[in-house]
Amino acid sequence: MDLHEEQEVLLSQQPTHLWRRRKLELMQWTEREKQTVAAKRTEIWNDVEVDAELVAALTLLHRAGVRTEFSCAGVSPLDEPIDHSLYAYVTLVQNEAADQFVNFALSKMRSRLLATLETGTGRYDLSSFFIGHNRSFCWWMQYCAAHFMDRNDYSLAT
C-alpha cells in the first residue's frame, strides 16, 4: 500500500447489533414519506453558512483550538439525501486539540457517535450514528464542546 494513499479509519466501536439497527433505520428512512418538521435554519459563522443548530458547538470548538471545515445539522426531513439529512456531521482538522476532543466526545457519546479519521487529509468526520438523530447529535456536540472546555486538565493552545 502506498504511504500517501487515503485511508479511512473507524474510531468508534459500535457493536454488531447497532450496525444492524442502523441499516434497518436507513431502509425505513428511504421508504417513508417525508414531512417537514421545521424549516432548515442557517447562520453565517466565520464567513460560512452553517446550520444554526451547530453554531454554539462550532464556536466552542473554535475557542478550544479545534478547527472545523464542514458541518451540517440536516434537521429538515425533506432535505434530499445529498444534503445530508440522514445524519448530522462535523468535520474537524486534525491537530492536538482535535485529537483530544475526538477522544473526549467518543467517551461521552459512546455508541451515538460515528467517528472516522481520513489519514491522507488529516480530517476527522464526526456524525450521528443513528439515522434521524440529528438534533440530538447537535445537542451532544454542544455538550461535549462545552464540557471539553471546562476540563481541568485542558489548557487552550494559543
Protein backbone atom coordinates (compact mmCIF):
# COMPACT_ATOMS: atom_id res chain seq x y z
CA MET A 1 0.00 0.00 0.00
CA ASP A 2 1.24 3.48 -0.90
CA LEU A 3 2.06 5.53 2.22
CA HIS A 4 0.24 8.56 0.78
CA GLU A 5 -2.90 6.58 -0.03
CA GLU A 6 -6.11 7.82 1.56
CA GLN A 7 -7.38 5.55 4.31
CA GLU A 8 -10.45 5.99 6.48
CA VAL A 9 -10.01 4.62 9.98
CA LEU A 10 -13.11 3.86 12.04
CA LEU A 11 -12.55 5.19 15.57
CA SER A 12 -15.90 4.42 17.18
CA GLN A 13 -16.76 0.93 18.40
CA GLN A 14 -20.43 0.16 17.80
CA PRO A 15 -21.44 -3.46 18.38
CA THR A 16 -22.80 -5.56 15.51
CA HIS A 17 -26.44 -5.29 16.66
CA LEU A 18 -26.26 -1.48 16.41
CA TRP A 19 -24.92 -1.68 12.85
CA ARG A 20 -27.90 -3.91 12.01
CA ARG A 21 -30.24 -1.37 13.64
CA ARG A 22 -28.64 1.42 11.62
CA LYS A 23 -29.09 -0.49 8.37
CA LEU A 24 -32.77 -1.07 9.20
CA GLU A 25 -33.25 2.63 10.07
CA LEU A 26 -31.68 3.60 6.75
CA MET A 27 -34.02 1.31 4.82
CA GLN A 28 -37.03 2.66 6.72
CA TRP A 29 -35.93 6.27 6.17
CA THR A 30 -35.62 5.82 2.41
CA GLU A 31 -39.10 4.29 2.16
CA ARG A 32 -41.16 6.50 4.46
CA GLU A 33 -43.00 9.66 3.48
CA LYS A 34 -41.03 12.77 4.43
CA GLN A 35 -42.83 15.52 6.33
CA THR A 36 -41.32 18.85 7.24
CA VAL A 37 -40.94 19.21 10.99
CA ALA A 38 -39.11 22.52 10.87
CA ALA A 39 -37.51 24.58 8.14
CA LYS A 40 -33.76 24.47 7.94
CA ARG A 41 -32.20 27.46 9.72
CA THR A 42 -28.74 28.68 8.79
CA GLU A 43 -26.40 31.37 10.07
CA ILE A 44 -23.17 32.85 8.83
CA TRP A 45 -20.34 31.64 11.06
CA ASN A 46 -16.72 32.53 10.19
CA ASP A 47 -17.88 33.62 6.71
CA VAL A 48 -19.51 30.22 6.06
CA GLU A 49 -23.20 29.35 6.04
CA VAL A 50 -23.80 26.66 8.66
CA ASP A 51 -26.83 25.11 10.31
CA ALA A 52 -27.97 27.26 13.24
CA GLU A 53 -28.17 24.18 15.48
CA LEU A 54 -24.36 23.79 15.30
CA VAL A 55 -23.23 27.40 15.79
CA ALA A 56 -22.74 27.14 19.56
CA ALA A 57 -20.75 23.89 19.25
CA LEU A 58 -18.59 25.27 16.43
CA THR A 59 -17.89 28.42 18.43
CA LEU A 60 -16.82 26.44 21.49
CA LEU A 61 -14.63 24.15 19.40
CA HIS A 62 -13.00 27.17 17.75
CA ARG A 63 -12.20 28.64 21.19
CA ALA A 64 -10.63 25.31 22.18
CA GLY A 65 -8.29 25.40 19.18
CA VAL A 66 -10.24 22.83 17.15
CA ARG A 67 -10.61 23.89 13.52
CA THR A 68 -13.74 22.82 11.69
CA GLU A 69 -14.23 22.67 7.94
CA PHE A 70 -17.67 21.34 7.15
CA SER A 71 -20.80 20.82 9.16
CA CYS A 72 -24.43 20.06 8.58
CA ALA A 73 -27.24 19.53 11.04
CA GLY A 74 -29.55 18.25 8.32
CA VAL A 75 -32.56 18.70 10.56
CA SER A 76 -35.16 19.17 7.85
CA PRO A 77 -36.53 15.74 6.92
CA LEU A 78 -37.39 16.98 3.43
CA ASP A 79 -33.77 17.71 2.60
CA GLU A 80 -32.60 15.41 -0.14
CA PRO A 81 -30.13 12.72 0.97
CA ILE A 82 -27.40 14.54 -0.92
CA ASP A 83 -27.93 17.42 1.53
CA HIS A 84 -27.05 15.08 4.39
CA SER A 85 -30.45 14.97 6.03
CA LEU A 86 -29.80 11.37 7.02
CA TYR A 87 -27.28 12.39 9.62
CA ALA A 88 -25.70 15.43 11.16
CA TYR A 89 -21.93 15.78 10.94
CA VAL A 90 -18.93 17.95 11.74
CA THR A 91 -15.53 17.72 10.03
CA LEU A 92 -12.50 18.64 12.15
CA VAL A 93 -8.97 19.36 11.01
CA GLN A 94 -6.60 17.03 12.84
CA ASN A 95 -4.36 18.69 15.42
CA GLU A 96 -3.63 18.03 19.10
CA ALA A 97 -6.79 19.78 20.28
CA ALA A 98 -8.93 17.87 17.74
CA ASP A 99 -7.32 14.56 18.78
CA GLN A 100 -8.21 15.30 22.41
CA PHE A 101 -11.73 16.43 21.56
CA VAL A 102 -12.50 13.35 19.47
CA ASN A 103 -11.37 11.06 22.30
CA PHE A 104 -13.43 13.10 24.77
CA ALA A 105 -16.54 13.03 22.54
CA LEU A 106 -16.18 9.27 22.00
CA SER A 107 -16.05 8.74 25.76
CA LYS A 108 -19.17 10.86 26.34
CA MET A 109 -21.32 9.96 23.31
CA ARG A 110 -20.24 6.31 23.06
CA SER A 111 -22.39 4.46 20.50
CA ARG A 112 -24.23 7.64 19.45
CA LEU A 113 -21.11 8.91 17.67
CA LEU A 114 -19.68 7.62 14.43
CA ALA A 115 -16.11 8.89 14.23
CA THR A 116 -13.64 8.31 11.43
CA LEU A 117 -10.22 9.70 10.57
CA GLU A 118 -9.18 10.23 6.97
CA THR A 119 -5.45 9.65 7.32
CA GLY A 120 -4.46 11.15 3.97
CA THR A 121 -6.13 14.50 4.60
CA GLY A 122 -5.95 14.59 8.39
CA ARG A 123 -9.69 15.12 8.76
CA TYR A 124 -12.00 13.73 11.42
CA ASP A 125 -15.59 13.12 10.42
CA LEU A 126 -17.96 13.05 13.37
CA SER A 127 -21.57 12.16 12.68
CA SER A 128 -24.65 10.85 14.36
CA PHE A 129 -24.54 7.06 14.25
CA PHE A 130 -28.31 6.68 14.32
CA ILE A 131 -30.38 7.80 11.35
CA GLY A 132 -32.66 10.73 12.15
CA HIS A 133 -30.99 11.65 15.44
CA ASN A 134 -29.70 14.91 14.02
CA ARG A 135 -31.00 17.30 16.66
CA SER A 136 -29.64 15.14 19.49
CA PHE A 137 -26.27 14.99 17.70
CA CYS A 138 -26.17 18.80 17.62
CA TRP A 139 -27.05 18.90 21.32
CA TRP A 140 -24.34 16.32 22.13
CA MET A 141 -21.73 18.21 20.09
CA GLN A 142 -22.51 21.38 22.05
CA TYR A 143 -22.49 19.45 25.35
CA CYS A 144 -19.15 17.81 24.57
CA ALA A 145 -17.59 21.07 23.34
CA ALA A 146 -18.72 22.92 26.49
CA HIS A 147 -17.50 20.20 28.84
CA PHE A 148 -14.27 19.80 26.88
CA MET A 149 -13.59 23.47 27.55
CA ASP A 150 -14.38 23.01 31.26
CA ARG A 151 -12.00 20.10 31.86
CA ASN A 152 -9.35 20.89 34.44
CA ASP A 153 -6.57 19.17 32.50
CA TYR A 154 -7.25 21.07 29.26
CA SER A 155 -5.42 24.30 28.51
CA LEU A 156 -6.11 26.46 25.49
CA ALA A 157 -3.44 26.15 22.85
CA THR A 158 -2.83 29.78 21.92
